[in-house]
């Protein structure tokens, strides 16, 4: 699960697979925290073109694996 903030400069990632993919592709998260609303852990990244590109790539790979 992932979400974008009302403040579009941040991306909140609740998906550990996606977080690992982003880290393995050179991105670094700003902080790791627990949501006070649902008590789930998340990683906060700066929003960027590179982040958007990697999220798209991650989703495409995941779709490919689910199809095959």
PDB file of N, CA and C in Angstrom:
ATOM      1  N   UNK A   1       0.847  -1.167   0.000  1.00  0.00           N
ATOM      2  CA  UNK A   1       0.000   0.000   0.000  1.00  0.00           C
ATOM      3  C   UNK A   1       0.895   1.233   0.000  1.00  0.00           C
ATOM      4  N   UNK A   2       0.469   2.236  -0.740  1.00  0.00           N
ATOM      5  CA  UNK A   2       1.234   3.456  -0.819  1.00  0.00           C
ATOM      6  C   UNK A   2       0.274   4.625  -0.870  1.00  0.00           C
ATOM      7  N   UNK A   3       0.731   5.781  -0.580  1.00  0.00           N
ATOM      8  CA  UNK A   3      -0.152   6.942  -0.685  1.00  0.00           C
ATOM      9  C   UNK A   3       0.649   8.190  -0.936  1.00  0.00           C
ATOM     10  N   UNK A   4      -0.020   9.167  -1.527  1.00  0.00           N
ATOM     11  CA  UNK A   4       0.584  10.475  -1.724  1.00  0.00           C
ATOM     12  C   UNK A   4      -0.069  11.438  -0.758  1.00  0.00           C
ATOM     13  N   UNK A   5       0.707  12.278  -0.207  1.00  0.00           N
ATOM     14  CA  UNK A   5       0.230  13.279   0.742  1.00  0.00           C
ATOM     15  C   UNK A   5      -0.508  14.396   0.025  1.00  0.00           C
ATOM     16  N   UNK A   6      -1.326  15.132   0.775  1.00  0.00           N
ATOM     17  CA  UNK A   6      -1.905  16.364   0.250  1.00  0.00           C
ATOM     18  C   UNK A   6      -0.767  17.310  -0.121  1.00  0.00           C
ATOM     19  N   UNK A   7       0.335  17.202   0.606  1.00  0.00           N
ATOM     20  CA  UNK A   7       1.535  17.964   0.299  1.00  0.00           C
ATOM     21  C   UNK A   7       2.347  17.106  -0.668  1.00  0.00           C
ATOM     22  N   UNK A   8       2.305  17.433  -1.947  1.00  0.00           N
ATOM     23  CA  UNK A   8       2.844  16.547  -2.969  1.00  0.00           C
ATOM     24  C   UNK A   8       4.365  16.453  -3.013  1.00  0.00           C
ATOM     25  N   UNK A   9       5.063  17.085  -2.094  1.00  0.00           N
ATOM     26  CA  UNK A   9       6.519  16.950  -2.123  1.00  0.00           C
ATOM     27  C   UNK A   9       6.977  15.660  -1.445  1.00  0.00           C
ATOM     28  N   UNK A  10       6.057  14.939  -0.780  1.00  0.00           N
ATOM     29  CA  UNK A  10       6.406  13.697  -0.099  1.00  0.00           C
ATOM     30  C   UNK A  10       5.611  12.519  -0.637  1.00  0.00           C
ATOM     31  N   UNK A  11       6.202  11.352  -0.571  1.00  0.00           N
ATOM     32  CA  UNK A  11       5.536  10.101  -0.915  1.00  0.00           C
ATOM     33  C   UNK A  11       5.657   9.190   0.304  1.00  0.00           C
ATOM     34  N   UNK A  12       4.520   8.694   0.775  1.00  0.00           N
ATOM     35  CA  UNK A  12       4.487   7.805   1.940  1.00  0.00           C
ATOM     36  C   UNK A  12       4.310   6.384   1.456  1.00  0.00           C
ATOM     37  N   UNK A  13       5.264   5.532   1.747  1.00  0.00           N
ATOM     38  CA  UNK A  13       5.266   4.157   1.256  1.00  0.00           C
ATOM     39  C   UNK A  13       5.007   3.200   2.419  1.00  0.00           C
ATOM     40  N   UNK A  14       3.921   2.439   2.307  1.00  0.00           N
ATOM     41  CA  UNK A  14       3.557   1.448   3.326  1.00  0.00           C
ATOM     42  C   UNK A  14       3.903   0.027   2.877  1.00  0.00           C
ATOM     43  N   UNK A  15       4.406  -0.119   1.660  1.00  0.00           N
ATOM     44  CA  UNK A  15       4.692  -1.423   1.058  1.00  0.00           C
ATOM     45  C   UNK A  15       6.191  -1.730   1.200  1.00  0.00           C
ATOM     46  N   UNK A  16       6.526  -2.766   1.970  1.00  0.00           N
ATOM     47  CA  UNK A  16       7.945  -3.078   2.204  1.00  0.00           C
ATOM     48  C   UNK A  16       8.653  -3.539   0.928  1.00  0.00           C
ATOM     49  N   UNK A  17       7.939  -4.255   0.058  1.00  0.00           N
ATOM     50  CA  UNK A  17       8.551  -4.670  -1.209  1.00  0.00           C
ATOM     51  C   UNK A  17       8.907  -3.451  -2.048  1.00  0.00           C
ATOM     52  N   UNK A  18       7.989  -2.499  -2.129  1.00  0.00           N
ATOM     53  CA  UNK A  18       8.253  -1.277  -2.894  1.00  0.00           C
ATOM     54  C   UNK A  18       9.400  -0.501  -2.254  1.00  0.00           C
ATOM     55  N   UNK A  19       9.388  -0.376  -0.941  1.00  0.00           N
ATOM     56  CA  UNK A  19      10.479   0.328  -0.242  1.00  0.00           C
ATOM     57  C   UNK A  19      11.822  -0.325  -0.571  1.00  0.00           C
ATOM     58  N   UNK A  20      11.883  -1.646  -0.510  1.00  0.00           N
ATOM     59  CA  UNK A  20      13.133  -2.347  -0.827  1.00  0.00           C
ATOM     60  C   UNK A  20      13.554  -2.118  -2.272  1.00  0.00           C
ATOM     61  N   UNK A  21      12.588  -2.105  -3.193  1.00  0.00           N
ATOM     62  CA  UNK A  21      12.875  -1.846  -4.605  1.00  0.00           C
ATOM     63  C   UNK A  21      13.447  -0.441  -4.780  1.00  0.00           C
ATOM     64  N   UNK A  22      12.825   0.531  -4.130  1.00  0.00           N
ATOM     65  CA  UNK A  22      13.308   1.914  -4.239  1.00  0.00           C
ATOM     66  C   UNK A  22      14.721   2.051  -3.685  1.00  0.00           C
ATOM     67  N   UNK A  23      14.970   1.435  -2.539  1.00  0.00           N
ATOM     68  CA  UNK A  23      16.315   1.497  -1.948  1.00  0.00           C
ATOM     69  C   UNK A  23      17.342   0.804  -2.837  1.00  0.00           C
ATOM     70  N   UNK A  24      16.979  -0.333  -3.405  1.00  0.00           N
ATOM     71  CA  UNK A  24      17.923  -1.069  -4.254  1.00  0.00           C
ATOM     72  C   UNK A  24      18.232  -0.322  -5.543  1.00  0.00           C
ATOM     73  N   UNK A  25      17.384   0.663  -5.872  1.00  0.00           N
ATOM     74  CA  UNK A  25      17.605   1.478  -7.066  1.00  0.00           C
ATOM     75  C   UNK A  25      18.153   2.860  -6.727  1.00  0.00           C
ATOM     76  N   UNK A  26      18.707   3.002  -5.530  1.00  0.00           N
ATOM     77  CA  UNK A  26      19.457   4.201  -5.192  1.00  0.00           C
ATOM     78  C   UNK A  26      18.713   5.307  -4.468  1.00  0.00           C
ATOM     79  N   UNK A  27      17.409   5.153  -4.257  1.00  0.00           N
ATOM     80  CA  UNK A  27      16.698   6.188  -3.499  1.00  0.00           C
ATOM     81  C   UNK A  27      16.929   5.982  -2.004  1.00  0.00           C
ATOM     82  N   UNK A  28      16.778   7.039  -1.262  1.00  0.00           N
ATOM     83  CA  UNK A  28      16.897   6.990   0.194  1.00  0.00           C
ATOM     84  C   UNK A  28      15.649   7.597   0.798  1.00  0.00           C
ATOM     85  N   UNK A  29      15.169   6.991   1.852  1.00  0.00           N
ATOM     86  CA  UNK A  29      13.989   7.561   2.493  1.00  0.00           C
ATOM     87  C   UNK A  29      14.388   8.651   3.481  1.00  0.00           C
ATOM     88  N   UNK A  30      13.445   9.547   3.755  1.00  0.00           N
ATOM     89  CA  UNK A  30      13.679  10.653   4.672  1.00  0.00           C
ATOM     90  C   UNK A  30      13.574  10.159   6.109  1.00  0.00           C
ATOM     91  N   UNK A  31      12.505   9.391   6.366  1.00  0.00           N
ATOM     92  CA  UNK A  31      12.280   8.878   7.709  1.00  0.00           C
ATOM     93  C   UNK A  31      11.399   7.642   7.655  1.00  0.00           C
ATOM     94  N   UNK A  32      11.448   6.879   8.710  1.00  0.00           N
ATOM     95  CA  UNK A  32      10.569   5.728   8.913  1.00  0.00           C
ATOM     96  C   UNK A  32       9.777   6.035  10.171  1.00  0.00           C
ATOM     97  N   UNK A  33       8.461   5.867  10.107  1.00  0.00           N
ATOM     98  CA  UNK A  33       7.625   6.225  11.257  1.00  0.00           C
ATOM     99  C   UNK A  33       6.396   5.323  11.318  1.00  0.00           C
ATOM    100  N   UNK A  34       5.614   5.494  12.362  1.00  0.00           N
ATOM    101  CA  UNK A  34       4.376   4.752  12.562  1.00  0.00           C
ATOM    102  C   UNK A  34       3.222   5.745  12.455  1.00  0.00           C
ATOM    103  N   UNK A  35       2.228   5.402  11.669  1.00  0.00           N
ATOM    104  CA  UNK A  35       1.052   6.248  11.512  1.00  0.00           C
ATOM    105  C   UNK A  35       0.237   6.252  12.801  1.00  0.00           C
ATOM    106  N   UNK A  36      -0.140   7.425  13.262  1.00  0.00           N
ATOM    107  CA  UNK A  36      -0.962   7.487  14.479  1.00  0.00           C
ATOM    108  C   UNK A  36      -2.405   7.083  14.181  1.00  0.00           C
ATOM    109  N   UNK A  37      -2.792   7.137  12.928  1.00  0.00           N
ATOM    110  CA  UNK A  37      -4.159   6.777  12.547  1.00  0.00           C
ATOM    111  C   UNK A  37      -4.379   5.270  12.561  1.00  0.00           C
ATOM    112  N   UNK A  38      -3.470   4.512  11.945  1.00  0.00           N
ATOM    113  CA  UNK A  38      -3.686   3.061  11.825  1.00  0.00           C
ATOM    114  C   UNK A  38      -2.543   2.224  12.400  1.00  0.00           C
ATOM    115  N   UNK A  39      -1.550   2.856  12.980  1.00  0.00           N
ATOM    116  CA  UNK A  39      -0.412   2.192  13.626  1.00  0.00           C
ATOM    117  C   UNK A  39       0.417   1.335  12.665  1.00  0.00           C
ATOM    118  N   UNK A  40       0.383   1.680  11.389  1.00  0.00           N
ATOM    119  CA  UNK A  40       1.181   0.974  10.392  1.00  0.00           C
ATOM    120  C   UNK A  40       2.477   1.742  10.154  1.00  0.00           C
ATOM    121  N   UNK A  41       3.561   0.999   9.938  1.00  0.00           N
ATOM    122  CA  UNK A  41       4.835   1.622   9.626  1.00  0.00           C
ATOM    123  C   UNK A  41       4.853   2.122   8.188  1.00  0.00           C
ATOM    124  N   UNK A  42       5.527   3.237   7.961  1.00  0.00           N
ATOM    125  CA  UNK A  42       5.674   3.754   6.602  1.00  0.00           C
ATOM    126  C   UNK A  42       7.049   4.393   6.454  1.00  0.00           C
ATOM    127  N   UNK A  43       7.445   4.550   5.196  1.00  0.00           N
ATOM    128  CA  UNK A  43       8.697   5.212   4.835  1.00  0.00           C
ATOM    129  C   UNK A  43       8.339   6.429   4.000  1.00  0.00           C
ATOM    130  N   UNK A  44       8.945   7.566   4.298  1.00  0.00           N
ATOM    131  CA  UNK A  44       8.650   8.807   3.593  1.00  0.00           C
ATOM    132  C   UNK A  44       9.816   9.136   2.661  1.00  0.00           C
ATOM    133  N   UNK A  45       9.476   9.364   1.403  1.00  0.00           N
ATOM    134  CA  UNK A  45      10.455   9.702   0.369  1.00  0.00           C
ATOM    135  C   UNK A  45      10.132  11.084  -0.185  1.00  0.00           C
ATOM    136  N   UNK A  46      11.156  11.765  -0.712  1.00  0.00           N
ATOM    137  CA  UNK A  46      10.918  12.995  -1.458  1.00  0.00           C
ATOM    138  C   UNK A  46      10.278  12.621  -2.784  1.00  0.00           C
ATOM    139  N   UNK A  47       9.259  13.331  -3.178  1.00  0.00           N
ATOM    140  CA  UNK A  47       8.622  13.132  -4.478  1.00  0.00           C
ATOM    141  C   UNK A  47       9.578  13.636  -5.554  1.00  0.00           C
ATOM    142  N   UNK A  48       9.751  12.834  -6.613  1.00  0.00           N
ATOM    143  CA  UNK A  48      10.648  13.223  -7.705  1.00  0.00           C
ATOM    144  C   UNK A  48      10.271  12.455  -8.961  1.00  0.00           C
ATOM    145  N   UNK A  49      10.810  12.899 -10.085  1.00  0.00           N
ATOM    146  CA  UNK A  49      10.597  12.178 -11.341  1.00  0.00           C
ATOM    147  C   UNK A  49      11.173  10.771 -11.248  1.00  0.00           C
ATOM    148  N   UNK A  50      12.329  10.635 -10.627  1.00  0.00           N
ATOM    149  CA  UNK A  50      12.960   9.321 -10.469  1.00  0.00           C
ATOM    150  C   UNK A  50      12.075   8.401  -9.635  1.00  0.00           C
ATOM    151  N   UNK A  51      11.508   8.900  -8.566  1.00  0.00           N
ATOM    152  CA  UNK A  51      10.606   8.104  -7.734  1.00  0.00           C
ATOM    153  C   UNK A  51       9.405   7.636  -8.556  1.00  0.00           C
ATOM    154  N   UNK A  52       8.794   8.541  -9.283  1.00  0.00           N
ATOM    155  CA  UNK A  52       7.635   8.193 -10.115  1.00  0.00           C
ATOM    156  C   UNK A  52       7.990   7.116 -11.129  1.00  0.00           C
ATOM    157  N   UNK A  53       9.154   7.270 -11.764  1.00  0.00           N
ATOM    158  CA  UNK A  53       9.624   6.284 -12.747  1.00  0.00           C
ATOM    159  C   UNK A  53       9.810   4.907 -12.098  1.00  0.00           C
ATOM    160  N   UNK A  54      10.419   4.884 -10.929  1.00  0.00           N
ATOM    161  CA  UNK A  54      10.666   3.608 -10.249  1.00  0.00           C
ATOM    162  C   UNK A  54       9.371   2.959  -9.758  1.00  0.00           C
ATOM    163  N   UNK A  55       8.420   3.747  -9.300  1.00  0.00           N
ATOM    164  CA  UNK A  55       7.132   3.178  -8.879  1.00  0.00           C
ATOM    165  C   UNK A  55       6.427   2.550 -10.075  1.00  0.00           C
ATOM    166  N   UNK A  56       6.454   3.221 -11.219  1.00  0.00           N
ATOM    167  CA  UNK A  56       5.852   2.673 -12.442  1.00  0.00           C
ATOM    168  C   UNK A  56       6.539   1.364 -12.825  1.00  0.00           C
ATOM    169  N   UNK A  57       7.854   1.350 -12.785  1.00  0.00           N
ATOM    170  CA  UNK A  57       8.617   0.143 -13.107  1.00  0.00           C
ATOM    171  C   UNK A  57       8.275  -0.993 -12.141  1.00  0.00           C
ATOM    172  N   UNK A  58       8.180  -0.699 -10.858  1.00  0.00           N
ATOM    173  CA  UNK A  58       7.833  -1.695  -9.848  1.00  0.00           C
ATOM    174  C   UNK A  58       6.455  -2.295 -10.138  1.00  0.00           C
ATOM    175  N   UNK A  59       5.480  -1.446 -10.435  1.00  0.00           N
ATOM    176  CA  UNK A  59       4.122  -1.925 -10.727  1.00  0.00           C
ATOM    177  C   UNK A  59       4.094  -2.789 -11.975  1.00  0.00           C
ATOM    178  N   UNK A  60       4.849  -2.404 -13.005  1.00  0.00           N
ATOM    179  CA  UNK A  60       4.912  -3.189 -14.241  1.00  0.00           C
ATOM    180  C   UNK A  60       5.527  -4.555 -13.979  1.00  0.00           C
ATOM    181  N   UNK A  61       6.590  -4.608 -13.209  1.00  0.00           N
ATOM    182  CA  UNK A  61       7.220  -5.891 -12.871  1.00  0.00           C
ATOM    183  C   UNK A  61       6.269  -6.772 -12.069  1.00  0.00           C
ATOM    184  N   UNK A  62       5.558  -6.168 -11.140  1.00  0.00           N
ATOM    185  CA  UNK A  62       4.621  -6.911 -10.313  1.00  0.00           C
ATOM    186  C   UNK A  62       3.484  -7.472 -11.164  1.00  0.00           C
ATOM    187  N   UNK A  63       2.951  -6.678 -12.095  1.00  0.00           N
ATOM    188  CA  UNK A  63       1.905  -7.139 -12.998  1.00  0.00           C
ATOM    189  C   UNK A  63       2.407  -8.284 -13.862  1.00  0.00           C
ATOM    190  N   UNK A  64       3.657  -8.175 -14.367  1.00  0.00           N
ATOM    191  CA  UNK A  64       4.234  -9.224 -15.197  1.00  0.00           C
ATOM    192  C   UNK A  64       4.337 -10.526 -14.430  1.00  0.00           C
ATOM    193  N   UNK A  65       4.774 -10.459 -13.195  1.00  0.00           N
ATOM    194  CA  UNK A  65       4.916 -11.666 -12.361  1.00  0.00           C
ATOM    195  C   UNK A  65       3.552 -12.281 -12.086  1.00  0.00           C
ATOM    196  N   UNK A  66       2.542 -11.464 -11.826  1.00  0.00           N
ATOM    197  CA  UNK A  66       1.204 -11.979 -11.542  1.00  0.00           C
ATOM    198  C   UNK A  66       0.581 -12.629 -12.767  1.00  0.00           C
ATOM    199  N   UNK A  67       0.897 -12.126 -13.966  1.00  0.00           N
ATOM    200  CA  UNK A  67       0.342 -12.688 -15.207  1.00  0.00           C
ATOM    201  C   UNK A  67       1.013 -14.022 -15.538  1.00  0.00           C
ATOM    202  N   UNK A  68       2.307 -14.122 -15.317  1.00  0.00           N
ATOM    203  CA  UNK A  68       3.056 -15.328 -15.716  1.00  0.00           C
ATOM    204  C   UNK A  68       3.140 -16.346 -14.639  1.00  0.00           C
TER     205      UNK A  68
END
